[in-house]
Amino acid sequence: MSPIKRRYFFYFMSYALIVVIALFCLFMNIKTVPIVEERQQVVLQKQWLEEENRELLLKIESLTSLENVEKKATKHLHMVRPKRIINLK
């Protein structure tokens, strides 16, 4: 093989290798984009659920407070505080 043909062959193989590497990177990028988008959606959903969980815990705490329970007992169940407590031992 003449030196000129050898040089063209080297350039051709170099460019072919660069094209193959570029196509491989493009393929990997195309494969990972949906995965990254799905991960972002899951992270957002997790944050939303954590916030909702905090709100529900606060609501549970407010509904089960002693003052609130006492109000509901007296208003809805017509219960009254005992006037005299007898302890039997």
N, C-alpha and C. Protein backbone atom coordinates (compact mmCIF):
# COMPACT_ATOMS: atom_id res chain seq x y z
N MET A 1 0.85 -1.16 0.00
CA MET A 1 0.00 0.00 0.00
C MET A 1 0.90 1.24 0.00
N SER A 2 0.54 2.20 -0.82
CA SER A 2 1.36 3.41 -0.90
C SER A 2 1.11 4.29 0.32
N PRO A 3 2.06 5.15 0.62
CA PRO A 3 1.90 6.01 1.80
C PRO A 3 0.67 6.91 1.73
N ILE A 4 0.29 7.35 0.56
CA ILE A 4 -0.89 8.21 0.42
C ILE A 4 -2.14 7.42 0.74
N LYS A 5 -2.25 6.19 0.21
CA LYS A 5 -3.41 5.35 0.49
C LYS A 5 -3.46 4.99 1.97
N ARG A 6 -2.31 4.74 2.54
CA ARG A 6 -2.25 4.41 3.96
C ARG A 6 -2.73 5.60 4.81
N ARG A 7 -2.35 6.80 4.43
CA ARG A 7 -2.77 7.99 5.16
C ARG A 7 -4.28 8.18 5.03
N TYR A 8 -4.84 8.03 3.80
CA TYR A 8 -6.28 8.14 3.60
C TYR A 8 -7.02 7.06 4.38
N PHE A 9 -6.50 5.86 4.40
CA PHE A 9 -7.10 4.77 5.15
C PHE A 9 -7.11 5.11 6.65
N PHE A 10 -6.00 5.67 7.16
CA PHE A 10 -5.93 6.06 8.57
C PHE A 10 -6.96 7.14 8.88
N TYR A 11 -7.08 8.17 8.01
CA TYR A 11 -8.06 9.22 8.21
C TYR A 11 -9.48 8.66 8.16
N PHE A 12 -9.74 7.81 7.20
CA PHE A 12 -11.06 7.21 7.08
C PHE A 12 -11.42 6.41 8.33
N MET A 13 -10.49 5.60 8.82
CA MET A 13 -10.76 4.80 10.02
C MET A 13 -10.93 5.71 11.24
N SER A 14 -10.16 6.80 11.31
CA SER A 14 -10.30 7.74 12.43
C SER A 14 -11.68 8.39 12.41
N TYR A 15 -12.10 8.85 11.24
CA TYR A 15 -13.43 9.47 11.14
C TYR A 15 -14.53 8.44 11.41
N ALA A 16 -14.36 7.24 10.92
CA ALA A 16 -15.36 6.20 11.17
C ALA A 16 -15.47 5.91 12.67
N LEU A 17 -14.35 5.86 13.36
CA LEU A 17 -14.36 5.63 14.80
C LEU A 17 -15.05 6.79 15.53
N ILE A 18 -14.77 8.00 15.11
CA ILE A 18 -15.42 9.16 15.72
C ILE A 18 -16.93 9.12 15.50
N VAL A 19 -17.36 8.76 14.30
CA VAL A 19 -18.79 8.66 13.99
C VAL A 19 -19.44 7.57 14.84
N VAL A 20 -18.79 6.42 14.98
CA VAL A 20 -19.34 5.33 15.78
C VAL A 20 -19.47 5.76 17.24
N ILE A 21 -18.46 6.42 17.76
CA ILE A 21 -18.52 6.89 19.17
C ILE A 21 -19.63 7.92 19.33
N ALA A 22 -19.77 8.84 18.37
CA ALA A 22 -20.82 9.86 18.45
C ALA A 22 -22.20 9.21 18.39
N LEU A 23 -22.38 8.24 17.51
CA LEU A 23 -23.66 7.55 17.43
C LEU A 23 -23.97 6.78 18.71
N PHE A 24 -22.96 6.17 19.29
CA PHE A 24 -23.15 5.45 20.55
C PHE A 24 -23.58 6.40 21.66
N CYS A 25 -22.92 7.55 21.74
CA CYS A 25 -23.28 8.55 22.77
C CYS A 25 -24.69 9.07 22.54
N LEU A 26 -25.06 9.31 21.29
CA LEU A 26 -26.41 9.76 20.98
C LEU A 26 -27.44 8.70 21.37
N PHE A 27 -27.16 7.46 21.08
CA PHE A 27 -28.05 6.35 21.44
C PHE A 27 -28.22 6.27 22.96
N MET A 28 -27.12 6.39 23.70
CA MET A 28 -27.20 6.32 25.16
C MET A 28 -27.98 7.52 25.72
N ASN A 29 -27.81 8.68 25.12
CA ASN A 29 -28.55 9.87 25.55
C ASN A 29 -30.04 9.68 25.30
N ILE A 30 -30.40 9.15 24.15
CA ILE A 30 -31.80 8.92 23.82
C ILE A 30 -32.40 7.91 24.80
N LYS A 31 -31.64 6.92 25.21
CA LYS A 31 -32.14 5.91 26.15
C LYS A 31 -32.29 6.48 27.56
N THR A 32 -31.43 7.40 27.97
CA THR A 32 -31.46 7.89 29.35
C THR A 32 -32.41 9.06 29.58
N VAL A 33 -32.79 9.78 28.54
CA VAL A 33 -33.67 10.94 28.70
C VAL A 33 -35.01 10.54 29.32
N PRO A 34 -35.70 9.50 28.85
CA PRO A 34 -36.97 9.12 29.49
C PRO A 34 -36.78 8.68 30.95
N ILE A 35 -35.68 8.04 31.24
CA ILE A 35 -35.42 7.60 32.61
C ILE A 35 -35.24 8.80 33.52
N VAL A 36 -34.50 9.80 33.07
CA VAL A 36 -34.27 11.01 33.86
C VAL A 36 -35.59 11.76 34.07
N GLU A 37 -36.42 11.86 33.04
CA GLU A 37 -37.70 12.54 33.16
C GLU A 37 -38.61 11.80 34.14
N GLU A 38 -38.61 10.48 34.07
CA GLU A 38 -39.43 9.69 34.99
C GLU A 38 -38.94 9.88 36.43
N ARG A 39 -37.65 9.93 36.61
CA ARG A 39 -37.08 10.14 37.95
C ARG A 39 -37.50 11.50 38.50
N GLN A 40 -37.48 12.52 37.64
CA GLN A 40 -37.89 13.86 38.08
C GLN A 40 -39.37 13.86 38.49
N GLN A 41 -40.21 13.15 37.75
CA GLN A 41 -41.62 13.06 38.10
C GLN A 41 -41.80 12.36 39.44
N VAL A 42 -41.02 11.30 39.67
CA VAL A 42 -41.12 10.56 40.93
C VAL A 42 -40.67 11.44 42.09
N VAL A 43 -39.61 12.21 41.89
CA VAL A 43 -39.12 13.10 42.95
C VAL A 43 -40.18 14.15 43.28
N LEU A 44 -40.80 14.74 42.26
CA LEU A 44 -41.85 15.73 42.49
C LEU A 44 -43.04 15.11 43.21
N GLN A 45 -43.42 13.90 42.81
CA GLN A 45 -44.53 13.21 43.45
C GLN A 45 -44.19 12.90 44.92
N LYS A 46 -42.96 12.52 45.17
CA LYS A 46 -42.52 12.23 46.54
C LYS A 46 -42.62 13.49 47.39
N GLN A 47 -42.16 14.63 46.86
CA GLN A 47 -42.23 15.88 47.61
C GLN A 47 -43.68 16.26 47.89
N TRP A 48 -44.54 16.10 46.90
CA TRP A 48 -45.96 16.42 47.08
C TRP A 48 -46.58 15.52 48.15
N LEU A 49 -46.26 14.23 48.12
CA LEU A 49 -46.80 13.30 49.11
C LEU A 49 -46.27 13.59 50.50
N GLU A 50 -45.01 13.98 50.62
CA GLU A 50 -44.46 14.35 51.93
C GLU A 50 -45.17 15.57 52.49
N GLU A 51 -45.44 16.56 51.64
CA GLU A 51 -46.16 17.76 52.09
C GLU A 51 -47.58 17.40 52.50
N GLU A 52 -48.24 16.58 51.73
CA GLU A 52 -49.60 16.16 52.07
C GLU A 52 -49.60 15.37 53.38
N ASN A 53 -48.59 14.54 53.57
CA ASN A 53 -48.48 13.76 54.80
C ASN A 53 -48.31 14.68 56.01
N ARG A 54 -47.47 15.72 55.87
CA ARG A 54 -47.30 16.69 56.96
C ARG A 54 -48.62 17.38 57.29
N GLU A 55 -49.35 17.79 56.26
CA GLU A 55 -50.63 18.45 56.48
C GLU A 55 -51.62 17.52 57.18
N LEU A 56 -51.65 16.26 56.76
CA LEU A 56 -52.57 15.31 57.39
C LEU A 56 -52.18 15.02 58.84
N LEU A 57 -50.89 14.96 59.12
CA LEU A 57 -50.45 14.76 60.51
C LEU A 57 -50.86 15.94 61.38
N LEU A 58 -50.72 17.16 60.86
CA LEU A 58 -51.16 18.33 61.61
C LEU A 58 -52.66 18.31 61.85
N LYS A 59 -53.40 17.87 60.85
CA LYS A 59 -54.86 17.78 61.00
C LYS A 59 -55.22 16.74 62.05
N ILE A 60 -54.54 15.60 62.04
CA ILE A 60 -54.79 14.56 63.04
C ILE A 60 -54.48 15.10 64.43
N GLU A 61 -53.37 15.79 64.58
CA GLU A 61 -53.00 16.34 65.89
C GLU A 61 -54.03 17.36 66.37
N SER A 62 -54.53 18.19 65.47
CA SER A 62 -55.52 19.18 65.89
C SER A 62 -56.86 18.54 66.22
N LEU A 63 -57.24 17.50 65.49
CA LEU A 63 -58.52 16.84 65.76
C LEU A 63 -58.49 15.98 67.02
N THR A 64 -57.33 15.50 67.39
CA THR A 64 -57.25 14.64 68.57
C THR A 64 -56.74 15.38 69.80
N SER A 65 -56.68 16.70 69.74
CA SER A 65 -56.26 17.44 70.93
C SER A 65 -57.35 17.32 71.99
N LEU A 66 -56.96 17.43 73.24
CA LEU A 66 -57.91 17.27 74.35
C LEU A 66 -59.02 18.31 74.31
N GLU A 67 -58.71 19.54 73.95
CA GLU A 67 -59.72 20.58 73.88
C GLU A 67 -60.76 20.27 72.82
N ASN A 68 -60.29 19.81 71.69
CA ASN A 68 -61.19 19.49 70.59
C ASN A 68 -62.07 18.28 70.94
N VAL A 69 -61.48 17.28 71.56
CA VAL A 69 -62.25 16.10 71.96
C VAL A 69 -63.31 16.50 72.99
N GLU A 70 -62.93 17.34 73.92
CA GLU A 70 -63.88 17.77 74.94
C GLU A 70 -65.03 18.57 74.32
N LYS A 71 -64.74 19.45 73.37
CA LYS A 71 -65.78 20.22 72.70
C LYS A 71 -66.75 19.31 71.96
N LYS A 72 -66.21 18.33 71.24
CA LYS A 72 -67.08 17.41 70.50
C LYS A 72 -67.92 16.56 71.45
N ALA A 73 -67.33 16.16 72.57
CA ALA A 73 -68.07 15.34 73.52
C ALA A 73 -69.23 16.12 74.11
N THR A 74 -68.99 17.37 74.45
CA THR A 74 -70.06 18.16 75.06
C THR A 74 -71.09 18.62 74.03
N LYS A 75 -70.65 18.98 72.83
CA LYS A 75 -71.57 19.53 71.83
C LYS A 75 -72.36 18.44 71.11
N HIS A 76 -71.67 17.42 70.60
CA HIS A 76 -72.34 16.41 69.77
C HIS A 76 -72.88 15.22 70.57
N LEU A 77 -72.18 14.85 71.62
CA LEU A 77 -72.60 13.68 72.39
C LEU A 77 -73.33 14.05 73.67
N HIS A 78 -73.46 15.35 73.92
CA HIS A 78 -74.17 15.86 75.10
C HIS A 78 -73.61 15.28 76.39
N MET A 79 -72.33 15.17 76.47
CA MET A 79 -71.68 14.69 77.69
C MET A 79 -71.34 15.90 78.56
N VAL A 80 -71.27 15.67 79.87
CA VAL A 80 -70.91 16.74 80.79
C VAL A 80 -69.80 16.25 81.70
N ARG A 81 -69.11 17.20 82.29
CA ARG A 81 -68.07 16.84 83.25
C ARG A 81 -68.75 16.36 84.53
N PRO A 82 -68.16 15.34 85.13
CA PRO A 82 -68.76 14.87 86.39
C PRO A 82 -68.60 15.93 87.49
N LYS A 83 -69.63 16.02 88.34
CA LYS A 83 -69.59 17.00 89.41
C LYS A 83 -68.79 16.49 90.59
N ARG A 84 -68.83 15.19 90.77
CA ARG A 84 -68.12 14.60 91.89
C ARG A 84 -67.53 13.27 91.45
N ILE A 85 -66.25 13.07 91.73
CA ILE A 85 -65.57 11.84 91.35
C ILE A 85 -65.33 11.02 92.62
N ILE A 86 -65.77 9.78 92.59
CA ILE A 86 -65.58 8.89 93.73
C ILE A 86 -64.54 7.84 93.33
N ASN A 87 -63.48 7.75 94.09
CA ASN A 87 -62.46 6.73 93.84
C ASN A 87 -62.70 5.57 94.80
N LEU A 88 -62.85 4.40 94.25
CA LEU A 88 -63.02 3.20 95.06
C LEU A 88 -61.70 2.47 95.12
N LYS A 89 -61.29 2.16 96.34
CA LYS A 89 -60.04 1.45 96.49
C LYS A 89 -60.26 0.11 97.12
